[in-house]
Amino acid sequence: MPEPLIGIYPGTFDPITNGHADVIQRAARMLDKLVVGVAINAGKGPLFSLEERLEMVRVETAEMKDVADRIVVQGFDN
């Protein structure tokens, strides 16, 4: 059995845009699993808190019915 194909899409997503959503959806169709990494990145002075950005990305990806089960949204700081 082949190893699953896993991709990572890191960013601040402050806020998530239609362009981000398009990349997420296209990548998820090509992979077995896509990890969307939402960066803390305080140096950029984000408009939204990490928790708010995580929620925005989760809501957006949950609406991607054909690939939502392949997407994992996770915060990171390194």
PDB file of N, CA and C in Angstrom:
ATOM      1  N   MET A   1       0.848  -1.182   0.000  1.00  0.00           N
ATOM      2  CA  MET A   1       0.000   0.000   0.000  1.00  0.00           C
ATOM      3  C   MET A   1       0.892   1.245   0.000  1.00  0.00           C
ATOM      4  N   PRO A   2       0.662   2.159  -0.923  1.00  0.00           N
ATOM      5  CA  PRO A   2       1.510   3.357  -1.006  1.00  0.00           C
ATOM      6  C   PRO A   2       1.290   4.297   0.179  1.00  0.00           C
ATOM      7  N   GLU A   3       2.330   5.049   0.484  1.00  0.00           N
ATOM      8  CA  GLU A   3       2.238   6.047   1.550  1.00  0.00           C
ATOM      9  C   GLU A   3       1.259   7.141   1.121  1.00  0.00           C
ATOM     10  N   PRO A   4       0.492   7.678   2.086  1.00  0.00           N
ATOM     11  CA  PRO A   4      -0.427   8.764   1.715  1.00  0.00           C
ATOM     12  C   PRO A   4       0.355  10.011   1.311  1.00  0.00           C
ATOM     13  N   LEU A   5      -0.188  10.745   0.382  1.00  0.00           N
ATOM     14  CA  LEU A   5       0.422  11.980  -0.090  1.00  0.00           C
ATOM     15  C   LEU A   5      -0.124  13.128   0.747  1.00  0.00           C
ATOM     16  N   ILE A   6       0.766  13.776   1.527  1.00  0.00           N
ATOM     17  CA  ILE A   6       0.375  14.833   2.458  1.00  0.00           C
ATOM     18  C   ILE A   6       1.067  16.128   2.065  1.00  0.00           C
ATOM     19  N   GLY A   7       0.297  17.216   2.031  1.00  0.00           N
ATOM     20  CA  GLY A   7       0.850  18.528   1.708  1.00  0.00           C
ATOM     21  C   GLY A   7       0.626  19.498   2.852  1.00  0.00           C
ATOM     22  N   ILE A   8       1.424  20.558   2.874  1.00  0.00           N
ATOM     23  CA  ILE A   8       1.303  21.603   3.887  1.00  0.00           C
ATOM     24  C   ILE A   8       1.179  22.943   3.180  1.00  0.00           C
ATOM     25  N   TYR A   9       0.212  23.740   3.607  1.00  0.00           N
ATOM     26  CA  TYR A   9       0.026  25.093   3.071  1.00  0.00           C
ATOM     27  C   TYR A   9       0.079  26.057   4.247  1.00  0.00           C
ATOM     28  N   PRO A  10       1.243  26.660   4.506  1.00  0.00           N
ATOM     29  CA  PRO A  10       1.369  27.582   5.632  1.00  0.00           C
ATOM     30  C   PRO A  10       1.052  29.026   5.223  1.00  0.00           C
ATOM     31  N   GLY A  11       0.567  29.796   6.173  1.00  0.00           N
ATOM     32  CA  GLY A  11       0.307  31.208   5.927  1.00  0.00           C
ATOM     33  C   GLY A  11      -0.295  31.867   7.151  1.00  0.00           C
ATOM     34  N   THR A  12      -0.469  33.178   7.080  1.00  0.00           N
ATOM     35  CA  THR A  12      -1.110  33.874   8.202  1.00  0.00           C
ATOM     36  C   THR A  12      -2.623  33.906   8.028  1.00  0.00           C
ATOM     37  N   PHE A  13      -3.106  33.910   6.787  1.00  0.00           N
ATOM     38  CA  PHE A  13      -4.537  33.892   6.501  1.00  0.00           C
ATOM     39  C   PHE A  13      -5.265  34.969   7.312  1.00  0.00           C
ATOM     40  N   ASP A  14      -4.833  36.207   7.116  1.00  0.00           N
ATOM     41  CA  ASP A  14      -5.313  37.329   7.930  1.00  0.00           C
ATOM     42  C   ASP A  14      -5.967  38.407   7.076  1.00  0.00           C
ATOM     43  N   PRO A  15      -7.158  38.196   6.600  1.00  0.00           N
ATOM     44  CA  PRO A  15      -8.030  37.020   6.707  1.00  0.00           C
ATOM     45  C   PRO A  15      -7.814  36.083   5.521  1.00  0.00           C
ATOM     46  N   ILE A  16      -8.503  34.950   5.556  1.00  0.00           N
ATOM     47  CA  ILE A  16      -8.470  34.036   4.420  1.00  0.00           C
ATOM     48  C   ILE A  16      -9.185  34.715   3.246  1.00  0.00           C
ATOM     49  N   THR A  17      -8.611  34.586   2.061  1.00  0.00           N
ATOM     50  CA  THR A  17      -9.170  35.217   0.864  1.00  0.00           C
ATOM     51  C   THR A  17      -9.696  34.155  -0.102  1.00  0.00           C
ATOM     52  N   ASN A  18     -10.372  34.614  -1.141  1.00  0.00           N
ATOM     53  CA  ASN A  18     -10.822  33.686  -2.185  1.00  0.00           C
ATOM     54  C   ASN A  18      -9.629  32.998  -2.844  1.00  0.00           C
ATOM     55  N   GLY A  19      -8.520  33.719  -2.977  1.00  0.00           N
ATOM     56  CA  GLY A  19      -7.311  33.126  -3.548  1.00  0.00           C
ATOM     57  C   GLY A  19      -6.762  32.005  -2.682  1.00  0.00           C
ATOM     58  N   HIS A  20      -6.721  32.236  -1.355  1.00  0.00           N
ATOM     59  CA  HIS A  20      -6.291  31.175  -0.435  1.00  0.00           C
ATOM     60  C   HIS A  20      -7.205  29.958  -0.571  1.00  0.00           C
ATOM     61  N   ALA A  21      -8.513  30.211  -0.560  1.00  0.00           N
ATOM     62  CA  ALA A  21      -9.486  29.118  -0.632  1.00  0.00           C
ATOM     63  C   ALA A  21      -9.319  28.327  -1.924  1.00  0.00           C
ATOM     64  N   ASP A  22      -9.042  29.013  -3.017  1.00  0.00           N
ATOM     65  CA  ASP A  22      -8.841  28.344  -4.299  1.00  0.00           C
ATOM     66  C   ASP A  22      -7.625  27.422  -4.249  1.00  0.00           C
ATOM     67  N   VAL A  23      -6.524  27.924  -3.693  1.00  0.00           N
ATOM     68  CA  VAL A  23      -5.308  27.101  -3.574  1.00  0.00           C
ATOM     69  C   VAL A  23      -5.579  25.892  -2.678  1.00  0.00           C
ATOM     70  N   ILE A  24      -6.261  26.112  -1.557  1.00  0.00           N
ATOM     71  CA  ILE A  24      -6.574  25.012  -0.631  1.00  0.00           C
ATOM     72  C   ILE A  24      -7.398  23.942  -1.340  1.00  0.00           C
ATOM     73  N   GLN A  25      -8.435  24.361  -2.034  1.00  0.00           N
ATOM     74  CA  GLN A  25      -9.311  23.396  -2.692  1.00  0.00           C
ATOM     75  C   GLN A  25      -8.587  22.635  -3.804  1.00  0.00           C
ATOM     76  N   ARG A  26      -7.810  23.328  -4.600  1.00  0.00           N
ATOM     77  CA  ARG A  26      -7.069  22.667  -5.679  1.00  0.00           C
ATOM     78  C   ARG A  26      -6.041  21.680  -5.123  1.00  0.00           C
ATOM     79  N   ALA A  27      -5.312  22.100  -4.088  1.00  0.00           N
ATOM     80  CA  ALA A  27      -4.297  21.220  -3.496  1.00  0.00           C
ATOM     81  C   ALA A  27      -4.943  19.992  -2.860  1.00  0.00           C
ATOM     82  N   ALA A  28      -6.047  20.196  -2.154  1.00  0.00           N
ATOM     83  CA  ALA A  28      -6.711  19.075  -1.477  1.00  0.00           C
ATOM     84  C   ALA A  28      -7.195  18.022  -2.471  1.00  0.00           C
ATOM     85  N   ARG A  29      -7.550  18.444  -3.661  1.00  0.00           N
ATOM     86  CA  ARG A  29      -7.983  17.480  -4.687  1.00  0.00           C
ATOM     87  C   ARG A  29      -6.831  16.602  -5.159  1.00  0.00           C
ATOM     88  N   MET A  30      -5.606  17.103  -5.040  1.00  0.00           N
ATOM     89  CA  MET A  30      -4.428  16.378  -5.523  1.00  0.00           C
ATOM     90  C   MET A  30      -3.785  15.508  -4.444  1.00  0.00           C
ATOM     91  N   LEU A  31      -4.188  15.702  -3.179  1.00  0.00           N
ATOM     92  CA  LEU A  31      -3.525  15.058  -2.050  1.00  0.00           C
ATOM     93  C   LEU A  31      -4.483  14.167  -1.283  1.00  0.00           C
ATOM     94  N   ASP A  32      -3.902  13.286  -0.473  1.00  0.00           N
ATOM     95  CA  ASP A  32      -4.710  12.492   0.447  1.00  0.00           C
ATOM     96  C   ASP A  32      -5.058  13.312   1.685  1.00  0.00           C
ATOM     97  N   LYS A  33      -4.152  14.224   2.047  1.00  0.00           N
ATOM     98  CA  LYS A  33      -4.368  15.064   3.228  1.00  0.00           C
ATOM     99  C   LYS A  33      -3.633  16.382   3.010  1.00  0.00           C
ATOM    100  N   LEU A  34      -4.291  17.489   3.365  1.00  0.00           N
ATOM    101  CA  LEU A  34      -3.676  18.810   3.291  1.00  0.00           C
ATOM    102  C   LEU A  34      -3.749  19.443   4.679  1.00  0.00           C
ATOM    103  N   VAL A  35      -2.592  19.817   5.210  1.00  0.00           N
ATOM    104  CA  VAL A  35      -2.528  20.525   6.482  1.00  0.00           C
ATOM    105  C   VAL A  35      -2.411  22.016   6.167  1.00  0.00           C
ATOM    106  N   VAL A  36      -3.397  22.785   6.587  1.00  0.00           N
ATOM    107  CA  VAL A  36      -3.362  24.237   6.433  1.00  0.00           C
ATOM    108  C   VAL A  36      -2.823  24.780   7.753  1.00  0.00           C
ATOM    109  N   GLY A  37      -1.600  25.286   7.706  1.00  0.00           N
ATOM    110  CA  GLY A  37      -0.936  25.799   8.902  1.00  0.00           C
ATOM    111  C   GLY A  37      -1.151  27.294   9.025  1.00  0.00           C
ATOM    112  N   VAL A  38      -1.826  27.706  10.087  1.00  0.00           N
ATOM    113  CA  VAL A  38      -2.103  29.121  10.324  1.00  0.00           C
ATOM    114  C   VAL A  38      -1.041  29.641  11.292  1.00  0.00           C
ATOM    115  N   ALA A  39      -0.228  30.583  10.818  1.00  0.00           N
ATOM    116  CA  ALA A  39       0.916  31.070  11.591  1.00  0.00           C
ATOM    117  C   ALA A  39       0.504  32.129  12.610  1.00  0.00           C
ATOM    118  N   ILE A  40       1.134  32.083  13.771  1.00  0.00           N
ATOM    119  CA  ILE A  40       0.938  33.121  14.785  1.00  0.00           C
ATOM    120  C   ILE A  40       1.488  34.432  14.240  1.00  0.00           C
ATOM    121  N   ASN A  41       2.744  34.465  13.871  1.00  0.00           N
ATOM    122  CA  ASN A  41       3.423  35.583  13.214  1.00  0.00           C
ATOM    123  C   ASN A  41       3.050  36.968  13.751  1.00  0.00           C
ATOM    124  N   ALA A  42       3.317  37.191  15.024  1.00  0.00           N
ATOM    125  CA  ALA A  42       3.024  38.484  15.665  1.00  0.00           C
ATOM    126  C   ALA A  42       3.787  39.631  15.005  1.00  0.00           C
ATOM    127  N   GLY A  43       4.905  39.339  14.380  1.00  0.00           N
ATOM    128  CA  GLY A  43       5.702  40.359  13.709  1.00  0.00           C
ATOM    129  C   GLY A  43       4.971  41.052  12.578  1.00  0.00           C
ATOM    130  N   LYS A  44       3.992  40.392  11.990  1.00  0.00           N
ATOM    131  CA  LYS A  44       3.205  40.986  10.913  1.00  0.00           C
ATOM    132  C   LYS A  44       2.090  41.884  11.448  1.00  0.00           C
ATOM    133  N   GLY A  45       1.818  41.828  12.745  1.00  0.00           N
ATOM    134  CA  GLY A  45       0.728  42.618  13.316  1.00  0.00           C
ATOM    135  C   GLY A  45      -0.622  42.236  12.733  1.00  0.00           C
ATOM    136  N   PRO A  46      -1.036  40.979  12.907  1.00  0.00           N
ATOM    137  CA  PRO A  46      -2.278  40.516  12.290  1.00  0.00           C
ATOM    138  C   PRO A  46      -3.509  41.284  12.789  1.00  0.00           C
ATOM    139  N   LEU A  47      -4.488  41.412  11.910  1.00  0.00           N
ATOM    140  CA  LEU A  47      -5.758  42.053  12.265  1.00  0.00           C
ATOM    141  C   LEU A  47      -6.582  41.184  13.205  1.00  0.00           C
ATOM    142  N   PHE A  48      -6.507  39.871  12.994  1.00  0.00           N
ATOM    143  CA  PHE A  48      -7.308  38.932  13.762  1.00  0.00           C
ATOM    144  C   PHE A  48      -6.406  38.063  14.638  1.00  0.00           C
ATOM    145  N   SER A  49      -6.944  37.600  15.760  1.00  0.00           N
ATOM    146  CA  SER A  49      -6.187  36.708  16.647  1.00  0.00           C
ATOM    147  C   SER A  49      -6.011  35.353  15.960  1.00  0.00           C
ATOM    148  N   LEU A  50      -5.090  34.561  16.485  1.00  0.00           N
ATOM    149  CA  LEU A  50      -4.879  33.219  15.936  1.00  0.00           C
ATOM    150  C   LEU A  50      -6.177  32.420  15.986  1.00  0.00           C
ATOM    151  N   GLU A  51      -6.873  32.482  17.100  1.00  0.00           N
ATOM    152  CA  GLU A  51      -8.115  31.718  17.251  1.00  0.00           C
ATOM    153  C   GLU A  51      -9.158  32.137  16.213  1.00  0.00           C
ATOM    154  N   GLU A  52      -9.257  33.448  15.962  1.00  0.00           N
ATOM    155  CA  GLU A  52     -10.212  33.933  14.965  1.00  0.00           C
ATOM    156  C   GLU A  52      -9.831  33.457  13.568  1.00  0.00           C
ATOM    157  N   ARG A  53      -8.543  33.508  13.256  1.00  0.00           N
ATOM    158  CA  ARG A  53      -8.093  33.066  11.934  1.00  0.00           C
ATOM    159  C   ARG A  53      -8.284  31.573  11.746  1.00  0.00           C
ATOM    160  N   LEU A  54      -7.994  30.793  12.793  1.00  0.00           N
ATOM    161  CA  LEU A  54      -8.228  29.348  12.719  1.00  0.00           C
ATOM    162  C   LEU A  54      -9.700  29.068  12.434  1.00  0.00           C
ATOM    163  N   GLU A  55     -10.580  29.767  13.138  1.00  0.00           N
ATOM    164  CA  GLU A  55     -12.016  29.561  12.948  1.00  0.00           C
ATOM    165  C   GLU A  55     -12.443  29.951  11.534  1.00  0.00           C
ATOM    166  N   MET A  56     -11.930  31.077  11.027  1.00  0.00           N
ATOM    167  CA  MET A  56     -12.279  31.506   9.665  1.00  0.00           C
ATOM    168  C   MET A  56     -11.867  30.455   8.632  1.00  0.00           C
ATOM    169  N   VAL A  57     -10.655  29.914   8.792  1.00  0.00           N
ATOM    170  CA  VAL A  57     -10.173  28.905   7.837  1.00  0.00           C
ATOM    171  C   VAL A  57     -10.993  27.624   7.978  1.00  0.00           C
ATOM    172  N   ARG A  58     -11.320  27.241   9.199  1.00  0.00           N
ATOM    173  CA  ARG A  58     -12.126  26.022   9.400  1.00  0.00           C
ATOM    174  C   ARG A  58     -13.518  26.161   8.786  1.00  0.00           C
ATOM    175  N   VAL A  59     -14.135  27.319   8.961  1.00  0.00           N
ATOM    176  CA  VAL A  59     -15.460  27.548   8.375  1.00  0.00           C
ATOM    177  C   VAL A  59     -15.373  27.491   6.851  1.00  0.00           C
ATOM    178  N   GLU A  60     -14.380  28.153   6.297  1.00  0.00           N
ATOM    179  CA  GLU A  60     -14.220  28.181   4.834  1.00  0.00           C
ATOM    180  C   GLU A  60     -13.974  26.779   4.279  1.00  0.00           C
ATOM    181  N   THR A  61     -13.102  26.003   4.922  1.00  0.00           N
ATOM    182  CA  THR A  61     -12.782  24.677   4.399  1.00  0.00           C
ATOM    183  C   THR A  61     -13.916  23.676   4.627  1.00  0.00           C
ATOM    184  N   ALA A  62     -14.715  23.873   5.657  1.00  0.00           N
ATOM    185  CA  ALA A  62     -15.854  22.974   5.896  1.00  0.00           C
ATOM    186  C   ALA A  62     -16.873  23.071   4.760  1.00  0.00           C
ATOM    187  N   GLU A  63     -16.897  24.212   4.081  1.00  0.00           N
ATOM    188  CA  GLU A  63     -17.828  24.408   2.961  1.00  0.00           C
ATOM    189  C   GLU A  63     -17.343  23.756   1.673  1.00  0.00           C
ATOM    190  N   MET A  64     -16.131  23.238   1.676  1.00  0.00           N
ATOM    191  CA  MET A  64     -15.568  22.560   0.498  1.00  0.00           C
ATOM    192  C   MET A  64     -15.966  21.094   0.555  1.00  0.00           C
ATOM    193  N   LYS A  65     -17.216  20.835   0.269  1.00  0.00           N
ATOM    194  CA  LYS A  65     -17.820  19.513   0.494  1.00  0.00           C
ATOM    195  C   LYS A  65     -17.046  18.354  -0.120  1.00  0.00           C
ATOM    196  N   ASP A  66     -16.501  18.529  -1.309  1.00  0.00           N
ATOM    197  CA  ASP A  66     -15.837  17.414  -1.983  1.00  0.00           C
ATOM    198  C   ASP A  66     -14.473  17.070  -1.391  1.00  0.00           C
ATOM    199  N   VAL A  67     -13.854  18.001  -0.652  1.00  0.00           N
ATOM    200  CA  VAL A  67     -12.510  17.747  -0.118  1.00  0.00           C
ATOM    201  C   VAL A  67     -12.371  18.066   1.377  1.00  0.00           C
ATOM    202  N   ALA A  68     -13.430  18.491   2.029  1.00  0.00           N
ATOM    203  CA  ALA A  68     -13.349  18.932   3.424  1.00  0.00           C
ATOM    204  C   ALA A  68     -12.755  17.861   4.339  1.00  0.00           C
ATOM    205  N   ASP A  69     -13.025  16.608   4.069  1.00  0.00           N
ATOM    206  CA  ASP A  69     -12.521  15.533   4.923  1.00  0.00           C
ATOM    207  C   ASP A  69     -11.015  15.293   4.759  1.00  0.00           C
ATOM    208  N   ARG A  70     -10.406  15.901   3.769  1.00  0.00           N
ATOM    209  CA  ARG A  70      -8.958  15.750   3.548  1.00  0.00           C
ATOM    210  C   ARG A  70      -8.153  16.894   4.181  1.00  0.00           C
ATOM    211  N   ILE A  71      -8.834  17.905   4.722  1.00  0.00           N
ATOM    212  CA  ILE A  71      -8.168  19.123   5.183  1.00  0.00           C
ATOM    213  C   ILE A  71      -8.123  19.171   6.707  1.00  0.00           C
ATOM    214  N   VAL A  72      -6.927  19.486   7.222  1.00  0.00           N
ATOM    215  CA  VAL A  72      -6.719  19.688   8.649  1.00  0.00           C
ATOM    216  C   VAL A  72      -6.199  21.116   8.832  1.00  0.00           C
ATOM    217  N   VAL A  73      -6.818  21.872   9.732  1.00  0.00           N
ATOM    218  CA  VAL A  73      -6.391  23.248   9.993  1.00  0.00           C
ATOM    219  C   VAL A  73      -5.731  23.270  11.362  1.00  0.00           C
ATOM    220  N   GLN A  74      -4.505  23.818  11.402  1.00  0.00           N
ATOM    221  CA  GLN A  74      -3.716  23.777  12.632  1.00  0.00           C
ATOM    222  C   GLN A  74      -2.889  25.048  12.758  1.00  0.00           C
ATOM    223  N   GLY A  75      -2.814  25.595  13.964  1.00  0.00           N
ATOM    224  CA  GLY A  75      -1.966  26.748  14.211  1.00  0.00           C
ATOM    225  C   GLY A  75      -0.521  26.320  14.433  1.00  0.00           C
ATOM    226  N   PHE A  76       0.421  27.240  14.150  1.00  0.00           N
ATOM    227  CA  PHE A  76       1.833  26.945  14.413  1.00  0.00           C
ATOM    228  C   PHE A  76       2.588  28.255  14.652  1.00  0.00           C
ATOM    229  N   ASP A  77       3.759  28.124  15.268  1.00  0.00           N
ATOM    230  CA  ASP A  77       4.553  29.324  15.564  1.00  0.00           C
ATOM    231  C   ASP A  77       6.026  29.192  15.219  1.00  0.00           C
ATOM    232  N   ASN A  78       6.393  28.168  14.479  1.00  0.00           N
ATOM    233  CA  ASN A  78       7.798  28.018  14.096  1.00  0.00           C
ATOM    234  C   ASN A  78       7.952  27.516  12.687  1.00  0.00           C
TER     235      ASN A  78
END
